[in-house]
C-alpha atoms as a PDB file:
ATOM      1  CA  MET A   1     109.051  56.772 116.001  1.00  0.00           C
ATOM      2  CA  LEU A   2     109.878  54.427 112.743  1.00  0.00           C
ATOM      3  CA  ILE A   3     112.733  51.858 113.337  1.00  0.00           C
ATOM      4  CA  PRO A   4     114.895  51.731 110.279  1.00  0.00           C
ATOM      5  CA  MET A   5     115.602  48.439 108.568  1.00  0.00           C
ATOM      6  CA  SER A   6     119.065  46.832 109.524  1.00  0.00           C
ATOM      7  CA  ARG A   7     121.846  48.452 107.548  1.00  0.00           C
ATOM      8  CA  ARG A   8     124.687  51.171 107.827  1.00  0.00           C
ATOM      9  CA  SER A   9     124.256  54.139 109.761  1.00  0.00           C
ATOM     10  CA  TYR A  10     126.558  57.106 110.087  1.00  0.00           C
ATOM     11  CA  ASP A  11     125.858  56.849 113.778  1.00  0.00           C
ATOM     12  CA  GLN A  12     126.080  60.724 114.098  1.00  0.00           C
ATOM     13  CA  TYR A  13     123.750  62.980 115.881  1.00  0.00           C
ATOM     14  CA  CYS A  14     123.289  65.240 113.056  1.00  0.00           C
ATOM     15  CA  ALA A  15     120.347  66.002 110.939  1.00  0.00           C
ATOM     16  CA  VAL A  16     122.093  65.632 107.705  1.00  0.00           C
ATOM     17  CA  ALA A  17     123.714  62.386 108.765  1.00  0.00           C
ATOM     18  CA  ARG A  18     120.115  61.130 109.798  1.00  0.00           C
ATOM     19  CA  ALA A  19     118.793  62.186 106.544  1.00  0.00           C
ATOM     20  CA  LEU A  20     121.406  60.394 104.661  1.00  0.00           C
ATOM     21  CA  ASP A  21     120.746  57.179 106.616  1.00  0.00           C
ATOM     22  CA  ALA A  22     117.095  57.518 105.356  1.00  0.00           C
ATOM     23  CA  VAL A  23     117.730  58.242 101.606  1.00  0.00           C
ATOM     24  CA  GLY A  24     121.328  58.101 101.038  1.00  0.00           C
ATOM     25  CA  GLU A  25     121.482  54.513  99.699  1.00  0.00           C
ATOM     26  CA  ARG A  26     122.184  54.307  95.991  1.00  0.00           C
ATOM     27  CA  TRP A  27     118.921  54.644  94.093  1.00  0.00           C
ATOM     28  CA  SER A  28     116.825  55.858  96.874  1.00  0.00           C
ATOM     29  CA  LEU A  29     116.606  59.638  95.909  1.00  0.00           C
ATOM     30  CA  LEU A  30     115.955  58.501  92.360  1.00  0.00           C
ATOM     31  CA  ILE A  31     112.954  56.240  93.511  1.00  0.00           C
ATOM     32  CA  VAL A  32     111.607  59.425  95.151  1.00  0.00           C
ATOM     33  CA  ARG A  33     112.172  61.422  92.160  1.00  0.00           C
ATOM     34  CA  GLU A  34     109.697  58.782  90.175  1.00  0.00           C
ATOM     35  CA  LEU A  35     107.182  58.662  92.958  1.00  0.00           C
ATOM     36  CA  LEU A  36     107.108  62.589  93.118  1.00  0.00           C
ATOM     37  CA  GLY A  37     104.778  62.389  90.083  1.00  0.00           C
ATOM     38  CA  GLY A  38     102.131  60.348  91.785  1.00  0.00           C
ATOM     39  CA  PRO A  39     101.620  56.572  92.509  1.00  0.00           C
ATOM     40  CA  ARG A  40     103.772  53.985  90.468  1.00  0.00           C
ATOM     41  CA  ARG A  41     103.575  50.316  90.092  1.00  0.00           C
ATOM     42  CA  TYR A  42     106.831  48.218  90.518  1.00  0.00           C
ATOM     43  CA  THR A  43     106.974  47.415  86.853  1.00  0.00           C
ATOM     44  CA  ASP A  44     106.815  51.234  85.820  1.00  0.00           C
ATOM     45  CA  LEU A  45     109.474  52.137  88.400  1.00  0.00           C
ATOM     46  CA  HIS A  46     111.797  49.454  87.169  1.00  0.00           C
ATOM     47  CA  ALA A  47     111.215  50.356  83.670  1.00  0.00           C
ATOM     48  CA  ASP A  48     111.993  54.096  84.457  1.00  0.00           C
ATOM     49  CA  LEU A  49     115.087  53.386  86.421  1.00  0.00           C
ATOM     50  CA  PRO A  50     117.315  51.905  83.818  1.00  0.00           C
ATOM     51  CA  GLY A  51     120.294  50.068  85.563  1.00  0.00           C
ATOM     52  CA  VAL A  52     118.552  49.137  88.726  1.00  0.00           C
ATOM     53  CA  SER A  53     118.212  45.382  89.432  1.00  0.00           C
ATOM     54  CA  THR A  54     115.013  44.112  90.634  1.00  0.00           C
ATOM     55  CA  ASP A  55     116.782  42.948  93.996  1.00  0.00           C
ATOM     56  CA  ILE A  56     118.103  46.485  94.888  1.00  0.00           C
ATOM     57  CA  LEU A  57     114.849  48.117  93.628  1.00  0.00           C
ATOM     58  CA  ALA A  58     112.773  45.838  95.798  1.00  0.00           C
ATOM     59  CA  THR A  59     115.235  46.414  98.790  1.00  0.00           C
ATOM     60  CA  ARG A  60     115.081  50.184  98.464  1.00  0.00           C
ATOM     61  CA  LEU A  61     111.367  50.301  98.234  1.00  0.00           C
ATOM     62  CA  LYS A  62     111.181  48.196 101.488  1.00  0.00           C
ATOM     63  CA  GLN A  63     113.782  50.582 103.068  1.00  0.00           C
ATOM     64  CA  LEU A  64     111.992  53.835 102.027  1.00  0.00           C
ATOM     65  CA  GLU A  65     108.720  52.351 103.304  1.00  0.00           C
ATOM     66  CA  GLY A  66     110.510  51.387 106.587  1.00  0.00           C
ATOM     67  CA  GLU A  67     111.681  55.019 106.992  1.00  0.00           C
ATOM     68  CA  GLY A  68     107.942  56.133 106.452  1.00  0.00           C
ATOM     69  CA  LEU A  69     108.660  57.756 103.243  1.00  0.00           C
ATOM     70  CA  LEU A  70     106.324  55.625 101.060  1.00  0.00           C
ATOM     71  CA  MET A  71     103.629  53.215 101.370  1.00  0.00           C
ATOM     72  CA  ARG A  72     102.148  50.503  99.347  1.00  0.00           C
ATOM     73  CA  ARG A  73      98.635  50.602  98.356  1.00  0.00           C
ATOM     74  CA  ARG A  74      96.396  48.064  96.494  1.00  0.00           C
ATOM     75  CA  LEU A  75      94.291  49.591  93.653  1.00  0.00           C
ATOM     76  CA  GLU A  76      90.614  48.471  93.391  1.00  0.00           C
ATOM     77  CA  ARG A  77      89.326  46.713  90.380  1.00  0.00           C
ATOM     78  CA  PRO A  78      89.525  46.942  87.370  1.00  0.00           C
ATOM     79  CA  ALA A  79      93.287  48.070  88.009  1.00  0.00           C
ATOM     80  CA  ASN A  80      93.684  45.320  90.643  1.00  0.00           C
ATOM     81  CA  ALA A  81      97.361  46.340  90.957  1.00  0.00           C
ATOM     82  CA  THR A  82      99.823  47.508  94.023  1.00  0.00           C
ATOM     83  CA  VAL A  83     101.363  50.861  93.694  1.00  0.00           C
ATOM     84  CA  TYR A  84     103.956  52.626  95.624  1.00  0.00           C
ATOM     85  CA  GLU A  85     103.390  56.269  96.864  1.00  0.00           C
ATOM     86  CA  LEU A  86     105.049  58.950  99.007  1.00  0.00           C
ATOM     87  CA  THR A  87     103.783  59.855 102.268  1.00  0.00           C
ATOM     88  CA  GLU A  88     103.514  63.264 103.368  1.00  0.00           C
ATOM     89  CA  ARG A  89     107.291  62.887 104.619  1.00  0.00           C
ATOM     90  CA  GLY A  90     108.415  61.420 101.230  1.00  0.00           C
ATOM     91  CA  THR A  91     106.691  64.250  99.491  1.00  0.00           C
ATOM     92  CA  ALA A  92     108.603  66.771 101.413  1.00  0.00           C
ATOM     93  CA  LEU A  93     111.726  65.562  99.721  1.00  0.00           C
ATOM     94  CA  ARG A  94     110.468  67.432  96.585  1.00  0.00           C
ATOM     95  CA  GLU A  95     112.506  70.413  97.199  1.00  0.00           C
ATOM     96  CA  VAL A  96     115.698  68.364  98.093  1.00  0.00           C
ATOM     97  CA  VAL A  97     115.402  66.740  94.651  1.00  0.00           C
ATOM     98  CA  ALA A  98     114.523  69.870  92.892  1.00  0.00           C
ATOM     99  CA  ALA A  99     117.753  71.526  94.533  1.00  0.00           C
ATOM    100  CA  LEU A 100     119.971  68.409  93.576  1.00  0.00           C
ATOM    101  CA  GLY A 101     118.537  68.637  90.061  1.00  0.00           C
ATOM    102  CA  ALA A 102     119.425  72.487  89.776  1.00  0.00           C
ATOM    103  CA  TRP A 103     122.855  71.876  91.339  1.00  0.00           C
ATOM    104  CA  GLY A 104     123.562  68.988  88.905  1.00  0.00           C
ATOM    105  CA  LEU A 105     122.691  71.089  85.893  1.00  0.00           C
ATOM    106  CA  ASP A 106     126.330  72.359  85.674  1.00  0.00           C
ATOM    107  CA  ALA A 107     127.663  68.820  85.595  1.00  0.00           C
ATOM    108  CA  LEU A 108     125.216  67.643  82.968  1.00  0.00           C
ATOM    109  CA  GLY A 109     127.132  68.353  79.922  1.00  0.00           C
ATOM    110  CA  GLU A 110     126.439  66.637  76.513  1.00  0.00           C
ATOM    111  CA  GLN A 111     124.169  63.557  76.680  1.00  0.00           C
ATOM    112  CA  ARG A 112     126.452  60.341  76.360  1.00  0.00           C
ATOM    113  CA  PRO A 113     125.517  57.619  74.035  1.00  0.00           C
ATOM    114  CA  THR A 114     124.838  55.520  76.997  1.00  0.00           C
ATOM    115  CA  ASP A 115     122.604  57.692  78.731  1.00  0.00           C
ATOM    116  CA  ALA A 116     119.072  56.660  79.355  1.00  0.00           C
ATOM    117  CA  VAL A 117     116.587  59.701  78.900  1.00  0.00           C
ATOM    118  CA  ARG A 118     112.784  59.865  80.094  1.00  0.00           C
ATOM    119  CA  GLY A 119     110.554  62.896  79.200  1.00  0.00           C
ATOM    120  CA  HIS A 120     109.357  63.190  82.837  1.00  0.00           C
ATOM    121  CA  TRP A 121     113.101  63.698  84.016  1.00  0.00           C
ATOM    122  CA  VAL A 122     113.184  67.020  82.354  1.00  0.00           C
ATOM    123  CA  THR A 123     111.090  68.679  85.147  1.00  0.00           C
ATOM    124  CA  THR A 124     112.599  67.302  88.153  1.00  0.00           C
ATOM    125  CA  GLY A 125     110.109  65.358  90.406  1.00  0.00           C
ATOM    126  CA  GLN A 126     107.063  66.056  88.088  1.00  0.00           C
ATOM    127  CA  ARG A 127     105.650  64.515  84.958  1.00  0.00           C
ATOM    128  CA  VAL A 128     105.622  66.498  81.886  1.00  0.00           C
END
């Protein structure tokens, strides 16, 4: 059993509460959304999550890793980079992210001038 990093908990013996303990922090599910398309470097995640600070991104990645939802992997040369990728447990969130995306369509409305847009957001959790 994985021990979550020290942070707030709902402290409820309820599956929804425990799930929110794991992915309910701001930015967590958006990081999962980005990783559903495959492994990503930190700089790529930061670029495709406009508005997230580097501190928050690093913290969320560590939390999600502590929950067993993602892992870091070092790529061999010539790439020689570290990537983050979902574990099997993290990939199981695909249906959750897709359901939230479908549910949120009614609230989407018109694009605001301040809204960031990425092509791969068109298909929830997958690259286009």
